[in-house]
Amino acid sequence: MSPNRGPTAGGTLVTITGAYLAGTREVLFGSRPATHITQVSPTQVTAVSPAGNGVAGVTLITAAGVSNAAPFY
């Protein structure tokens, strides 16, 4: 995930790269949904972070299931 941090106001465009990302339906920062989710390729997704503070675990809901959480600060 790049970048792995952003301002508390949200609005950071985050690129998530990994295996089995095809069919990504939702990107969550903790319990908050990301906006503007774009499937770039089967191994890459971009999303805009929501507002929040502290560390949030970012998970993706894909056709293959739910990903492990990665920290976003």
C-alpha atoms as a PDB file:
ATOM      1  CA  MET A   1       0.000   0.000   0.000  1.00  0.00           C
ATOM      2  CA  SER A   2       1.356   3.359  -0.973  1.00  0.00           C
ATOM      3  CA  PRO A   3       1.239   5.711   0.749  1.00  0.00           C
ATOM      4  CA  ASN A   4       0.471   4.127   4.102  1.00  0.00           C
ATOM      5  CA  ARG A   5      -0.426   7.388   5.839  1.00  0.00           C
ATOM      6  CA  GLY A   6      -2.498  10.479   5.249  1.00  0.00           C
ATOM      7  CA  PRO A   7      -4.106  13.494   6.912  1.00  0.00           C
ATOM      8  CA  THR A   8      -7.016  13.121   9.342  1.00  0.00           C
ATOM      9  CA  ALA A   9      -9.256  14.913   6.819  1.00  0.00           C
ATOM     10  CA  GLY A  10      -8.923  11.940   4.451  1.00  0.00           C
ATOM     11  CA  GLY A  11      -8.728  12.368   0.698  1.00  0.00           C
ATOM     12  CA  THR A  12      -5.462  10.471   0.144  1.00  0.00           C
ATOM     13  CA  LEU A  13      -5.285   8.439  -3.072  1.00  0.00           C
ATOM     14  CA  VAL A  14      -3.922   5.058  -1.984  1.00  0.00           C
ATOM     15  CA  THR A  15      -2.586   2.381  -4.344  1.00  0.00           C
ATOM     16  CA  ILE A  16      -2.949  -1.188  -3.100  1.00  0.00           C
ATOM     17  CA  THR A  17      -0.959  -3.902  -4.849  1.00  0.00           C
ATOM     18  CA  GLY A  18      -1.231  -7.637  -4.244  1.00  0.00           C
ATOM     19  CA  ALA A  19      -2.519 -10.952  -5.492  1.00  0.00           C
ATOM     20  CA  TYR A  20      -6.192 -11.846  -6.008  1.00  0.00           C
ATOM     21  CA  LEU A  21      -7.491  -8.264  -6.102  1.00  0.00           C
ATOM     22  CA  ALA A  22      -9.671  -8.821  -9.171  1.00  0.00           C
ATOM     23  CA  GLY A  23     -13.313  -8.118  -8.454  1.00  0.00           C
ATOM     24  CA  THR A  24     -12.640  -5.782  -5.541  1.00  0.00           C
ATOM     25  CA  ARG A  25     -16.039  -4.635  -4.328  1.00  0.00           C
ATOM     26  CA  GLU A  26     -15.119  -2.577  -1.297  1.00  0.00           C
ATOM     27  CA  VAL A  27     -12.090  -1.077   0.457  1.00  0.00           C
ATOM     28  CA  LEU A  28     -12.422  -0.395   4.173  1.00  0.00           C
ATOM     29  CA  PHE A  29     -10.238   1.757   6.397  1.00  0.00           C
ATOM     30  CA  GLY A  30     -11.206   0.203   9.705  1.00  0.00           C
ATOM     31  CA  SER A  31     -15.003   0.300   9.485  1.00  0.00           C
ATOM     32  CA  ARG A  32     -15.070   3.321   7.156  1.00  0.00           C
ATOM     33  CA  PRO A  33     -15.502   2.755   3.420  1.00  0.00           C
ATOM     34  CA  ALA A  34     -13.099   4.284   0.928  1.00  0.00           C
ATOM     35  CA  THR A  35     -14.405   6.280  -2.009  1.00  0.00           C
ATOM     36  CA  HIS A  36     -13.480   6.343  -5.689  1.00  0.00           C
ATOM     37  CA  ILE A  37     -12.369   2.693  -5.835  1.00  0.00           C
ATOM     38  CA  THR A  38     -10.751   1.861  -9.172  1.00  0.00           C
ATOM     39  CA  GLN A  39      -9.690  -1.593 -10.356  1.00  0.00           C
ATOM     40  CA  VAL A  40      -6.425  -0.743 -12.150  1.00  0.00           C
ATOM     41  CA  SER A  41      -5.500  -4.370 -12.869  1.00  0.00           C
ATOM     42  CA  PRO A  42      -6.080  -7.820 -11.334  1.00  0.00           C
ATOM     43  CA  THR A  43      -3.255  -7.016  -8.915  1.00  0.00           C
ATOM     44  CA  GLN A  44      -3.790  -3.299  -8.259  1.00  0.00           C
ATOM     45  CA  VAL A  45      -6.595  -1.146  -6.850  1.00  0.00           C
ATOM     46  CA  THR A  46      -6.711   2.556  -6.006  1.00  0.00           C
ATOM     47  CA  ALA A  47      -9.025   4.141  -3.444  1.00  0.00           C
ATOM     48  CA  VAL A  48      -9.404   7.451  -1.633  1.00  0.00           C
ATOM     49  CA  SER A  49      -9.099   7.309   2.151  1.00  0.00           C
ATOM     50  CA  PRO A  50     -11.939   8.522   4.380  1.00  0.00           C
ATOM     51  CA  ALA A  51     -11.495  10.966   7.261  1.00  0.00           C
ATOM     52  CA  GLY A  52     -10.264   9.514  10.535  1.00  0.00           C
ATOM     53  CA  ASN A  53      -7.407   9.495  13.013  1.00  0.00           C
ATOM     54  CA  GLY A  54      -5.101   6.919  14.505  1.00  0.00           C
ATOM     55  CA  VAL A  55      -4.253   3.634  12.828  1.00  0.00           C
ATOM     56  CA  ALA A  56      -6.845   1.918  10.648  1.00  0.00           C
ATOM     57  CA  GLY A  57      -6.584  -1.594   9.256  1.00  0.00           C
ATOM     58  CA  VAL A  58      -7.218  -1.475   5.503  1.00  0.00           C
ATOM     59  CA  THR A  59      -9.053  -4.489   4.120  1.00  0.00           C
ATOM     60  CA  LEU A  60     -10.387  -5.281   0.671  1.00  0.00           C
ATOM     61  CA  ILE A  61     -13.494  -7.283  -0.085  1.00  0.00           C
ATOM     62  CA  THR A  62     -12.831  -9.109  -3.343  1.00  0.00           C
ATOM     63  CA  ALA A  63     -14.271 -11.948  -5.375  1.00  0.00           C
ATOM     64  CA  ALA A  64     -11.779 -14.213  -3.545  1.00  0.00           C
ATOM     65  CA  GLY A  65     -12.836 -13.072  -0.049  1.00  0.00           C
ATOM     66  CA  VAL A  66     -11.612 -10.570   2.520  1.00  0.00           C
ATOM     67  CA  SER A  67      -7.944  -9.579   2.629  1.00  0.00           C
ATOM     68  CA  ASN A  68      -5.740  -9.368   5.690  1.00  0.00           C
ATOM     69  CA  ALA A  69      -5.609  -5.892   7.207  1.00  0.00           C
ATOM     70  CA  ALA A  70      -2.688  -3.573   6.471  1.00  0.00           C
ATOM     71  CA  PRO A  71      -2.092  -0.518   8.698  1.00  0.00           C
ATOM     72  CA  PHE A  72      -2.843   3.000   7.442  1.00  0.00           C
ATOM     73  CA  TYR A  73      -1.762   5.877   9.680  1.00  0.00           C
END
